[in-house]
N, C-alpha and C. Protein backbone atom coordinates (compact mmCIF):
# COMPACT_ATOMS: atom_id res chain seq x y z
N MET A 1 -82.13 -10.41 -0.33
CA MET A 1 -82.91 -9.92 1.06
C MET A 1 -84.21 -9.92 0.99
N ALA A 2 -84.85 -10.63 1.81
CA ALA A 2 -86.27 -10.25 1.79
C ALA A 2 -86.93 -9.44 2.90
N VAL A 3 -88.15 -8.91 2.44
CA VAL A 3 -88.51 -7.87 3.56
C VAL A 3 -90.16 -8.41 3.77
N VAL A 4 -89.97 -8.58 5.27
CA VAL A 4 -91.39 -9.29 5.82
C VAL A 4 -91.56 -7.97 6.79
N ARG A 5 -92.91 -7.54 6.50
CA ARG A 5 -93.45 -6.35 7.46
C ARG A 5 -92.46 -5.45 8.09
N GLY A 6 -91.86 -5.09 6.87
CA GLY A 6 -90.63 -3.91 7.20
C GLY A 6 -89.65 -4.25 8.02
N LEU A 7 -89.14 -5.70 8.44
CA LEU A 7 -88.21 -6.12 8.84
C LEU A 7 -87.22 -7.00 7.73
N ARG A 8 -85.94 -6.65 7.83
CA ARG A 8 -84.88 -7.17 7.00
C ARG A 8 -84.72 -8.56 7.67
N SER A 9 -84.68 -9.64 6.72
CA SER A 9 -83.98 -10.93 7.11
C SER A 9 -82.96 -11.01 6.63
N ALA A 10 -82.17 -12.03 7.13
CA ALA A 10 -80.47 -11.94 6.81
C ALA A 10 -80.86 -13.08 5.65
N PRO A 11 -79.83 -12.82 4.67
CA PRO A 11 -80.04 -13.62 3.17
C PRO A 11 -80.03 -15.40 3.65
N ALA A 12 -81.04 -16.26 3.29
CA ALA A 12 -80.85 -17.57 3.41
C ALA A 12 -79.70 -18.02 2.68
N ARG A 13 -79.30 -19.07 3.19
CA ARG A 13 -78.31 -19.85 2.71
C ARG A 13 -78.88 -20.91 1.78
N THR A 14 -78.43 -20.84 0.70
CA THR A 14 -78.89 -21.95 -0.32
C THR A 14 -78.72 -23.41 0.05
N ARG A 15 -79.62 -24.04 -0.04
CA ARG A 15 -79.38 -25.70 0.15
C ARG A 15 -79.21 -26.51 -0.75
N THR A 16 -77.80 -26.52 -0.96
CA THR A 16 -77.40 -27.54 -2.16
C THR A 16 -77.02 -28.77 -1.49
N GLY A 17 -77.53 -29.63 -2.32
CA GLY A 17 -76.70 -31.13 -1.85
C GLY A 17 -75.17 -30.97 -2.13
N ALA A 18 -74.99 -32.27 -1.49
CA ALA A 18 -73.31 -32.70 -1.82
C ALA A 18 -72.83 -32.09 -3.48
N ARG A 19 -71.77 -31.56 -3.30
CA ARG A 19 -71.29 -31.22 -4.59
C ARG A 19 -70.75 -32.28 -5.19
N ARG A 20 -71.05 -32.55 -6.74
CA ARG A 20 -70.79 -33.74 -7.24
C ARG A 20 -69.60 -33.02 -8.10
N PRO A 21 -68.79 -34.23 -8.39
CA PRO A 21 -67.90 -33.82 -9.31
C PRO A 21 -68.14 -33.60 -10.60
N PRO A 22 -67.41 -32.93 -11.77
CA PRO A 22 -67.63 -32.87 -13.08
C PRO A 22 -67.64 -34.31 -13.60
N ARG A 23 -68.56 -34.04 -14.73
CA ARG A 23 -68.58 -35.39 -15.20
C ARG A 23 -67.32 -35.83 -16.07
N PRO A 24 -66.78 -36.90 -16.06
CA PRO A 24 -65.63 -37.46 -16.32
C PRO A 24 -65.91 -37.47 -18.06
N ASP A 25 -64.65 -37.19 -18.71
CA ASP A 25 -64.73 -36.76 -20.11
C ASP A 25 -65.10 -38.28 -20.33
N ALA A 26 -64.95 -38.36 -21.77
CA ALA A 26 -65.34 -39.42 -22.60
C ALA A 26 -63.95 -40.41 -22.22
N LEU A 27 -64.36 -41.65 -22.39
CA LEU A 27 -63.06 -42.33 -22.14
C LEU A 27 -62.09 -42.49 -23.53
N PRO A 28 -61.06 -42.42 -23.62
CA PRO A 28 -59.85 -42.49 -24.17
C PRO A 28 -59.84 -43.66 -25.04
N GLN A 29 -60.13 -44.01 -26.12
CA GLN A 29 -60.01 -45.48 -26.77
C GLN A 29 -58.37 -45.75 -26.67
N THR A 30 -57.69 -45.04 -26.96
CA THR A 30 -55.97 -45.28 -27.36
C THR A 30 -55.29 -43.96 -26.44
N PRO A 31 -54.41 -44.38 -26.08
CA PRO A 31 -53.98 -43.12 -24.96
C PRO A 31 -52.95 -42.35 -26.10
N ALA A 32 -52.86 -41.16 -25.11
CA ALA A 32 -52.52 -39.98 -26.05
C ALA A 32 -51.09 -40.38 -26.23
N GLY A 33 -50.47 -39.98 -27.79
CA GLY A 33 -49.50 -40.05 -28.07
C GLY A 33 -48.93 -41.61 -28.22
N ALA A 34 -49.72 -42.82 -27.89
CA ALA A 34 -49.27 -44.09 -27.97
C ALA A 34 -49.57 -44.77 -29.47
N ARG A 35 -48.49 -45.72 -29.80
CA ARG A 35 -48.31 -45.87 -31.26
C ARG A 35 -48.95 -47.63 -31.14
N ARG A 36 -49.68 -47.78 -32.27
CA ARG A 36 -49.78 -49.17 -32.20
C ARG A 36 -48.47 -50.30 -32.41
N PRO A 37 -48.57 -51.13 -31.58
CA PRO A 37 -47.22 -52.12 -31.56
C PRO A 37 -47.42 -52.38 -32.81
N ARG A 38 -46.25 -53.55 -33.16
CA ARG A 38 -46.11 -54.21 -34.59
C ARG A 38 -46.85 -55.30 -34.51
N PRO A 39 -47.04 -55.95 -33.38
CA PRO A 39 -47.96 -57.26 -33.12
C PRO A 39 -49.00 -57.13 -33.29
N ALA A 40 -49.70 -56.03 -32.93
CA ALA A 40 -51.18 -55.67 -32.95
C ALA A 40 -51.39 -55.51 -34.33
N SER A 41 -50.37 -54.99 -35.32
CA SER A 41 -50.87 -54.78 -36.82
C SER A 41 -50.54 -56.05 -37.38
N ALA A 42 -49.67 -56.77 -36.98
CA ALA A 42 -49.57 -58.30 -37.62
C ALA A 42 -51.08 -59.18 -37.37
N ALA A 43 -51.49 -59.03 -36.00
CA ALA A 43 -52.54 -59.68 -35.66
C ALA A 43 -53.68 -59.42 -36.43
N ALA A 44 -54.01 -57.88 -36.71
CA ALA A 44 -54.85 -57.76 -37.63
C ALA A 44 -54.62 -57.85 -38.96
N ALA A 45 -53.65 -58.05 -39.49
CA ALA A 45 -53.42 -58.65 -40.82
C ALA A 45 -54.12 -60.03 -40.88
N SER A 46 -53.23 -60.60 -39.64
CA SER A 46 -53.64 -62.35 -39.83
C SER A 46 -55.26 -62.36 -39.80
N GLY A 47 -55.63 -61.61 -39.00
CA GLY A 47 -57.33 -61.69 -39.06
C GLY A 47 -58.00 -61.34 -40.09
N VAL A 48 -57.35 -60.51 -41.11
CA VAL A 48 -58.18 -60.39 -42.71
C VAL A 48 -57.89 -61.48 -42.94
N LEU A 49 -56.50 -62.22 -43.12
CA LEU A 49 -56.20 -63.60 -44.05
C LEU A 49 -57.15 -64.69 -43.40
N VAL A 50 -57.41 -64.60 -42.04
CA VAL A 50 -58.38 -65.58 -41.50
C VAL A 50 -59.66 -65.65 -42.58
N ALA A 51 -60.11 -64.31 -42.56
CA ALA A 51 -61.59 -63.87 -43.05
C ALA A 51 -61.33 -64.24 -44.59
N ALA A 52 -60.46 -63.87 -45.33
CA ALA A 52 -59.80 -64.31 -46.79
C ALA A 52 -59.84 -65.91 -47.15
N GLN A 53 -59.44 -66.47 -46.22
CA GLN A 53 -59.65 -68.00 -46.29
C GLN A 53 -60.74 -68.53 -46.22
N GLU A 54 -62.04 -67.87 -45.16
CA GLU A 54 -63.11 -68.21 -45.26
C GLU A 54 -63.76 -68.11 -46.29
N ILE A 55 -63.76 -66.88 -46.56
CA ILE A 55 -64.52 -66.48 -48.01
C ILE A 55 -64.19 -67.35 -49.21
N HIS A 56 -62.91 -67.81 -49.17
CA HIS A 56 -62.36 -68.63 -50.48
C HIS A 56 -63.36 -70.21 -50.05
N LEU A 57 -63.27 -70.64 -48.75
CA LEU A 57 -63.96 -71.58 -48.49
C LEU A 57 -65.33 -71.65 -48.79
N ALA A 58 -66.00 -70.54 -48.30
CA ALA A 58 -67.60 -70.35 -48.59
C ALA A 58 -67.36 -70.20 -50.20
N TYR A 59 -66.75 -69.82 -50.90
CA TYR A 59 -66.63 -69.46 -52.68
C TYR A 59 -66.50 -71.18 -52.99
N LEU A 60 -65.94 -72.20 -52.71
CA LEU A 60 -65.53 -73.58 -52.91
C LEU A 60 -66.78 -74.28 -52.50
N LEU A 61 -67.39 -73.80 -51.65
CA LEU A 61 -68.75 -74.49 -51.53
C LEU A 61 -69.76 -73.85 -52.17
N TRP A 62 -69.86 -72.63 -52.68
CA TRP A 62 -70.99 -72.20 -53.41
C TRP A 62 -70.94 -73.05 -54.78
N GLU A 63 -69.66 -72.92 -55.16
CA GLU A 63 -69.33 -72.89 -56.73
C GLU A 63 -70.12 -74.24 -57.32
N PRO A 64 -70.11 -75.46 -56.69
CA PRO A 64 -70.99 -76.45 -57.28
C PRO A 64 -72.59 -76.49 -57.75
N GLU A 65 -73.15 -75.80 -56.62
CA GLU A 65 -74.40 -75.49 -56.74
C GLU A 65 -74.80 -74.03 -56.20
N PRO A 66 -74.72 -72.86 -57.14
CA PRO A 66 -74.58 -71.54 -57.11
C PRO A 66 -76.07 -71.38 -56.27
N GLY A 67 -76.10 -70.85 -54.94
CA GLY A 67 -77.34 -70.15 -54.08
C GLY A 67 -76.80 -70.31 -52.62
N TRP A 68 -78.20 -69.92 -52.00
CA TRP A 68 -77.51 -69.40 -50.44
C TRP A 68 -78.07 -70.52 -49.82
N HIS A 69 -77.38 -71.38 -49.38
CA HIS A 69 -77.82 -72.54 -48.61
C HIS A 69 -77.09 -72.37 -46.99
N TRP A 70 -77.91 -73.23 -46.31
CA TRP A 70 -77.35 -73.07 -44.69
C TRP A 70 -76.16 -73.11 -44.66
N TYR A 71 -75.28 -73.90 -45.20
CA TYR A 71 -73.57 -73.92 -44.54
C TYR A 71 -73.01 -72.68 -45.09
N LEU A 72 -73.64 -72.17 -46.11
CA LEU A 72 -73.10 -70.76 -46.65
C LEU A 72 -73.50 -69.27 -45.68
N VAL A 73 -74.67 -69.79 -45.50
CA VAL A 73 -75.01 -68.35 -44.29
C VAL A 73 -74.27 -68.95 -42.95
N ALA A 74 -74.01 -70.04 -42.61
CA ALA A 74 -73.30 -70.36 -41.42
C ALA A 74 -71.35 -69.73 -41.47
N LEU A 75 -71.15 -69.88 -42.42
CA LEU A 75 -69.95 -69.28 -42.83
C LEU A 75 -69.90 -67.60 -42.83
N ALA A 76 -70.85 -67.33 -42.90
CA ALA A 76 -70.78 -65.38 -42.82
C ALA A 76 -70.48 -65.21 -41.42
N LEU A 77 -71.14 -65.59 -40.54
CA LEU A 77 -70.81 -65.47 -38.98
C LEU A 77 -69.16 -65.43 -38.65
N PRO A 78 -68.44 -66.86 -39.19
CA PRO A 78 -67.25 -66.65 -38.86
C PRO A 78 -66.49 -65.39 -39.63
N ILE A 79 -66.76 -65.15 -40.59
CA ILE A 79 -66.19 -64.03 -41.70
C ILE A 79 -66.51 -62.81 -40.92
N ALA A 80 -67.41 -62.62 -40.40
CA ALA A 80 -67.88 -61.29 -39.94
C ALA A 80 -67.07 -61.27 -38.89
N LEU A 81 -66.85 -62.29 -38.08
CA LEU A 81 -66.45 -62.23 -36.62
C LEU A 81 -64.78 -61.85 -36.65
N ALA A 82 -63.95 -62.57 -37.97
CA ALA A 82 -62.90 -62.33 -38.15
C ALA A 82 -62.57 -60.62 -38.74
N VAL A 83 -63.35 -60.37 -39.56
CA VAL A 83 -63.40 -59.02 -39.93
C VAL A 83 -63.26 -57.64 -38.93
N LEU A 84 -64.17 -58.25 -38.12
CA LEU A 84 -64.67 -57.28 -36.64
C LEU A 84 -63.73 -57.25 -35.70
N GLY A 85 -63.21 -58.66 -35.69
CA GLY A 85 -61.76 -58.65 -34.63
C GLY A 85 -60.63 -58.20 -35.12
N ALA A 86 -60.11 -58.33 -36.33
CA ALA A 86 -59.29 -57.44 -37.19
C ALA A 86 -59.56 -55.81 -36.85
N ALA A 87 -60.47 -55.23 -37.13
CA ALA A 87 -60.46 -53.99 -36.83
C ALA A 87 -60.85 -53.63 -35.66
N LEU A 88 -61.25 -54.43 -34.55
CA LEU A 88 -60.85 -53.58 -33.29
C LEU A 88 -59.58 -54.05 -32.77
N VAL A 89 -58.63 -54.76 -33.43
CA VAL A 89 -57.30 -54.77 -32.94
C VAL A 89 -56.64 -53.61 -33.25
N TRP A 90 -56.85 -53.57 -34.74
CA TRP A 90 -56.26 -52.38 -35.50
C TRP A 90 -56.58 -50.96 -34.54
N ARG A 91 -58.17 -50.78 -34.14
CA ARG A 91 -58.05 -49.67 -33.70
C ARG A 91 -58.04 -49.32 -32.23
N GLY A 92 -57.42 -50.73 -31.64
CA GLY A 92 -57.02 -50.53 -30.04
C GLY A 92 -58.18 -50.63 -29.29
N ARG A 93 -59.72 -50.96 -29.83
CA ARG A 93 -60.50 -51.23 -28.84
C ARG A 93 -60.32 -52.17 -27.76
N PRO A 94 -61.42 -51.89 -26.70
CA PRO A 94 -61.27 -52.78 -25.66
C PRO A 94 -61.94 -54.45 -26.02
N ARG A 95 -60.95 -54.98 -25.39
CA ARG A 95 -61.13 -56.56 -25.88
C ARG A 95 -61.26 -57.00 -27.09
N GLY A 96 -60.41 -56.24 -28.22
CA GLY A 96 -60.60 -56.86 -29.20
C GLY A 96 -59.72 -57.67 -29.49
N TRP A 97 -58.62 -58.17 -29.01
CA TRP A 97 -58.16 -59.36 -29.03
C TRP A 97 -58.83 -60.62 -28.55
N GLN A 98 -59.88 -60.33 -27.93
CA GLN A 98 -60.49 -61.56 -27.32
C GLN A 98 -61.57 -62.15 -28.79
N VAL A 99 -62.25 -61.00 -29.18
CA VAL A 99 -63.04 -61.24 -30.61
C VAL A 99 -61.99 -61.86 -31.73
N LEU A 100 -60.78 -61.71 -31.83
CA LEU A 100 -59.95 -61.97 -32.97
C LEU A 100 -59.43 -63.53 -32.45
N ALA A 101 -59.32 -63.61 -31.34
CA ALA A 101 -58.83 -64.90 -30.69
C ALA A 101 -59.93 -65.85 -31.17
N ALA A 102 -61.28 -65.75 -30.60
CA ALA A 102 -62.41 -66.48 -31.00
C ALA A 102 -62.74 -66.70 -32.94
N ALA A 103 -62.50 -65.44 -33.48
CA ALA A 103 -62.51 -65.79 -34.67
C ALA A 103 -61.38 -66.69 -35.32
N ALA A 104 -60.46 -66.74 -34.79
CA ALA A 104 -59.24 -67.57 -35.49
C ALA A 104 -59.31 -69.03 -34.79
N ALA A 105 -59.85 -69.17 -33.48
CA ALA A 105 -59.89 -70.47 -33.08
C ALA A 105 -61.14 -71.32 -33.96
N LEU A 106 -62.24 -70.84 -34.34
CA LEU A 106 -62.99 -71.20 -34.91
C LEU A 106 -62.83 -71.87 -36.13
N PRO A 107 -62.16 -71.26 -37.33
CA PRO A 107 -61.52 -71.63 -38.43
C PRO A 107 -60.33 -73.14 -38.06
N LEU A 108 -59.48 -72.73 -37.10
CA LEU A 108 -58.56 -73.35 -36.73
C LEU A 108 -58.89 -75.09 -36.21
N LEU A 109 -60.11 -75.11 -35.22
CA LEU A 109 -60.41 -76.38 -35.05
C LEU A 109 -61.05 -76.97 -36.38
N GLY A 110 -61.95 -76.07 -37.46
CA GLY A 110 -62.35 -76.99 -38.20
C GLY A 110 -61.10 -77.17 -39.47
N VAL A 111 -60.43 -76.65 -39.78
CA VAL A 111 -59.41 -77.17 -40.73
C VAL A 111 -58.62 -78.02 -39.92
N LEU A 112 -58.44 -78.12 -38.66
CA LEU A 112 -57.61 -79.22 -37.86
C LEU A 112 -58.42 -80.69 -37.72
N GLY A 113 -59.68 -80.67 -37.78
CA GLY A 113 -60.69 -81.66 -37.83
C GLY A 113 -60.63 -82.30 -39.47
N LEU A 114 -60.49 -81.26 -40.37
CA LEU A 114 -60.37 -81.86 -41.68
C LEU A 114 -58.90 -82.30 -42.06
N ALA A 115 -57.91 -82.03 -41.47
CA ALA A 115 -56.68 -82.44 -41.73
C ALA A 115 -56.71 -84.09 -40.96
N GLY A 116 -57.53 -83.99 -39.75
CA GLY A 116 -57.69 -85.46 -39.17
C GLY A 116 -58.35 -86.28 -40.16
N LEU A 117 -59.36 -85.54 -40.93
CA LEU A 117 -60.26 -86.76 -41.59
C LEU A 117 -59.43 -87.02 -42.70
N PHE A 118 -58.78 -86.29 -43.20
CA PHE A 118 -57.74 -86.50 -44.21
C PHE A 118 -56.66 -87.65 -44.01
N ALA A 119 -56.05 -87.36 -42.73
CA ALA A 119 -55.02 -88.19 -42.01
C ALA A 119 -55.73 -89.82 -42.33
N ALA A 120 -56.99 -89.96 -41.45
CA ALA A 120 -57.50 -91.02 -41.21
C ALA A 120 -58.08 -91.70 -42.59
N LEU A 121 -58.24 -91.02 -43.58
CA LEU A 121 -58.76 -91.87 -45.10
C LEU A 121 -57.67 -91.95 -45.78
N GLY A 122 -56.55 -91.58 -45.51
CA GLY A 122 -55.16 -92.12 -46.09
C GLY A 122 -54.43 -90.94 -46.36
N GLY A 123 -54.76 -89.73 -46.18
CA GLY A 123 -53.61 -88.67 -46.74
C GLY A 123 -53.83 -88.21 -47.87
N GLY A 124 -52.68 -88.50 -48.65
CA GLY A 124 -53.02 -88.56 -50.25
C GLY A 124 -52.29 -87.04 -50.52
N ARG A 125 -53.00 -86.37 -51.46
CA ARG A 125 -52.70 -84.98 -51.88
C ARG A 125 -52.95 -83.84 -50.99
N ALA A 126 -54.46 -84.57 -50.56
CA ALA A 126 -55.21 -83.10 -49.77
C ALA A 126 -54.69 -82.74 -48.62
N LEU A 127 -53.83 -83.75 -47.72
CA LEU A 127 -53.33 -83.91 -46.10
C LEU A 127 -52.66 -82.41 -45.99
N PRO A 128 -51.73 -82.14 -47.34
CA PRO A 128 -50.39 -81.15 -46.72
C PRO A 128 -51.36 -79.88 -47.33
N TRP A 129 -52.47 -79.99 -48.27
CA TRP A 129 -52.76 -78.55 -48.20
C TRP A 129 -53.61 -78.22 -47.50
N ALA A 130 -54.42 -79.13 -46.31
CA ALA A 130 -55.33 -78.88 -45.11
C ALA A 130 -54.28 -78.37 -44.10
N LEU A 131 -53.30 -79.22 -44.12
CA LEU A 131 -52.34 -78.59 -43.17
C LEU A 131 -51.62 -77.02 -43.31
N LEU A 132 -51.63 -76.92 -44.54
CA LEU A 132 -51.16 -75.52 -44.95
C LEU A 132 -52.09 -74.59 -44.45
N LEU A 133 -53.37 -74.59 -44.49
CA LEU A 133 -54.94 -73.60 -44.13
C LEU A 133 -54.59 -73.84 -42.55
N LEU A 134 -53.68 -74.13 -42.10
CA LEU A 134 -53.83 -74.33 -40.43
C LEU A 134 -52.81 -72.67 -40.26
N VAL A 135 -52.07 -72.40 -41.13
CA VAL A 135 -51.10 -71.17 -40.91
C VAL A 135 -51.79 -69.95 -40.42
N GLY A 136 -52.96 -69.75 -41.14
CA GLY A 136 -53.70 -68.30 -41.25
C GLY A 136 -54.34 -68.41 -39.70
N PRO A 137 -55.20 -69.29 -39.27
CA PRO A 137 -55.70 -69.00 -38.14
C PRO A 137 -54.85 -69.20 -36.91
N LEU A 138 -53.82 -70.17 -37.32
CA LEU A 138 -52.91 -70.23 -35.92
C LEU A 138 -51.64 -69.00 -35.93
N ALA A 139 -51.48 -68.38 -36.68
CA ALA A 139 -50.72 -67.10 -36.49
C ALA A 139 -51.48 -66.00 -35.87
N ALA A 140 -53.35 -65.77 -36.31
CA ALA A 140 -54.22 -64.99 -35.73
C ALA A 140 -54.43 -65.47 -34.27
N LEU A 141 -53.91 -66.77 -34.04
CA LEU A 141 -54.60 -67.11 -32.95
C LEU A 141 -53.26 -66.70 -31.82
N VAL A 142 -52.05 -67.00 -32.21
CA VAL A 142 -50.74 -67.00 -31.51
C VAL A 142 -50.81 -65.29 -31.42
N LEU A 143 -50.68 -64.37 -32.38
CA LEU A 143 -50.43 -62.93 -32.64
C LEU A 143 -51.44 -62.34 -31.74
N ALA A 144 -52.88 -62.69 -31.58
CA ALA A 144 -53.94 -61.92 -30.88
C ALA A 144 -53.47 -62.30 -29.55
N THR A 145 -52.93 -63.34 -28.86
CA THR A 145 -52.88 -63.58 -27.39
C THR A 145 -51.72 -62.97 -27.06
N ARG A 146 -50.91 -62.15 -27.54
CA ARG A 146 -49.47 -61.74 -27.15
C ARG A 146 -49.83 -60.76 -26.42
N ARG A 147 -49.01 -60.25 -25.39
CA ARG A 147 -49.02 -59.34 -24.52
C ARG A 147 -48.81 -57.84 -25.08
N PRO A 148 -48.27 -57.73 -26.16
CA PRO A 148 -48.32 -56.35 -26.45
C PRO A 148 -50.18 -55.91 -27.15
N VAL A 149 -50.59 -57.01 -27.74
CA VAL A 149 -51.89 -56.95 -28.51
C VAL A 149 -52.74 -56.74 -27.46
N ARG A 150 -52.59 -57.70 -26.16
CA ARG A 150 -53.51 -57.41 -25.03
C ARG A 150 -53.59 -56.15 -24.30
N GLU A 151 -52.35 -55.74 -24.33
CA GLU A 151 -52.20 -54.36 -23.82
C GLU A 151 -52.88 -53.26 -24.40
N TRP A 152 -52.57 -53.38 -25.96
CA TRP A 152 -52.99 -52.42 -26.76
C TRP A 152 -54.62 -52.53 -26.69
N THR A 153 -55.30 -53.46 -26.42
CA THR A 153 -56.58 -53.50 -26.46
C THR A 153 -57.46 -53.73 -25.32
N ALA A 154 -56.31 -53.36 -24.35
CA ALA A 154 -56.84 -53.91 -22.68
C ALA A 154 -58.11 -52.34 -22.55
N PRO A 155 -58.97 -52.74 -21.95
CA PRO A 155 -60.03 -51.85 -20.98
C PRO A 155 -59.32 -50.65 -20.32
N ARG A 156 -59.43 -49.48 -21.04
CA ARG A 156 -58.76 -48.29 -20.11
C ARG A 156 -59.78 -47.58 -19.19
N ARG A 157 -59.24 -47.31 -17.95
CA ARG A 157 -60.04 -46.49 -17.22
C ARG A 157 -60.45 -45.29 -16.86
N ALA A 158 -61.38 -44.23 -16.64
CA ALA A 158 -61.54 -42.86 -16.96
C ALA A 158 -60.77 -42.33 -16.02
N THR A 159 -59.82 -41.37 -16.35
CA THR A 159 -59.17 -40.57 -15.50
C THR A 159 -59.71 -39.38 -15.19
N ARG A 160 -59.94 -38.68 -13.99
CA ARG A 160 -60.22 -37.34 -13.80
C ARG A 160 -59.30 -36.61 -13.99
N ARG A 161 -59.61 -35.40 -14.08
CA ARG A 161 -58.79 -34.38 -14.43
C ARG A 161 -58.43 -33.43 -12.68
N PRO A 162 -57.08 -33.13 -12.74
CA PRO A 162 -56.83 -32.93 -11.43
C PRO A 162 -57.58 -31.79 -11.01
N ARG A 163 -58.18 -31.53 -9.50
CA ARG A 163 -58.84 -30.16 -9.45
C ARG A 163 -57.99 -29.24 -8.94
N PRO A 164 -58.19 -28.27 -8.83
CA PRO A 164 -57.39 -27.14 -8.65
C PRO A 164 -57.32 -27.12 -7.06
N PRO A 165 -56.26 -26.63 -6.62
CA PRO A 165 -56.12 -26.54 -5.25
C PRO A 165 -57.17 -25.63 -4.60
N ARG A 166 -57.63 -25.90 -3.22
CA ARG A 166 -58.79 -25.20 -2.62
C ARG A 166 -57.63 -23.77 -2.27
N THR A 167 -58.31 -22.76 -2.05
CA THR A 167 -57.80 -21.62 -1.46
C THR A 167 -58.59 -21.31 -0.29
N ALA A 168 -58.27 -20.67 0.55
CA ALA A 168 -58.52 -20.23 2.01
C ALA A 168 -59.92 -19.63 1.90
N ALA A 169 -60.18 -18.76 1.31
CA ALA A 169 -61.61 -18.14 0.88
C ALA A 169 -62.88 -19.10 0.55
N ARG A 170 -62.34 -20.19 -0.41
CA ARG A 170 -63.22 -20.95 -0.72
C ARG A 170 -63.43 -22.66 0.38
N ALA A 171 -62.34 -22.74 1.10
CA ALA A 171 -62.25 -23.61 1.72
C ALA A 171 -63.50 -23.54 3.09
N ARG A 172 -64.51 -22.62 3.62
CA ARG A 172 -65.08 -22.64 4.34
C ARG A 172 -66.58 -23.67 4.46
């Protein structure tokens, strides 16, 4: 209480703005107690398979003339994207399935074009091997777009903790 020239004044009400709710907790990346669905594990494994196929292709291109050329550096991006997509799906991070699907679509289109080229040139023994290389990217693409994988990697909303009930004394 303030005393002004011998007079006592009533306590001043504190001026506070609108009461803000407490800060929300950090967003949980996976629901508590949730288990990774089997298709998500299979999608992550097929993403690693796609990365391994791309590494093998990079090795085949590097072997005749060792050194870093533009086409080897260009292959580093899809390899990194496949590993990143597999890791995101494995951990259940938001939109991880989209990264894995994009990482699988790039080599799928490339190998499909290569198989088409081999078929147009007469096939021979290279065509069946090119078609066999379609298995990894196709499996990763199909598994990454399945509903359990999409739900596992869906963005999660922050949930607020329930507020304690207001008592009559606090309701004023």
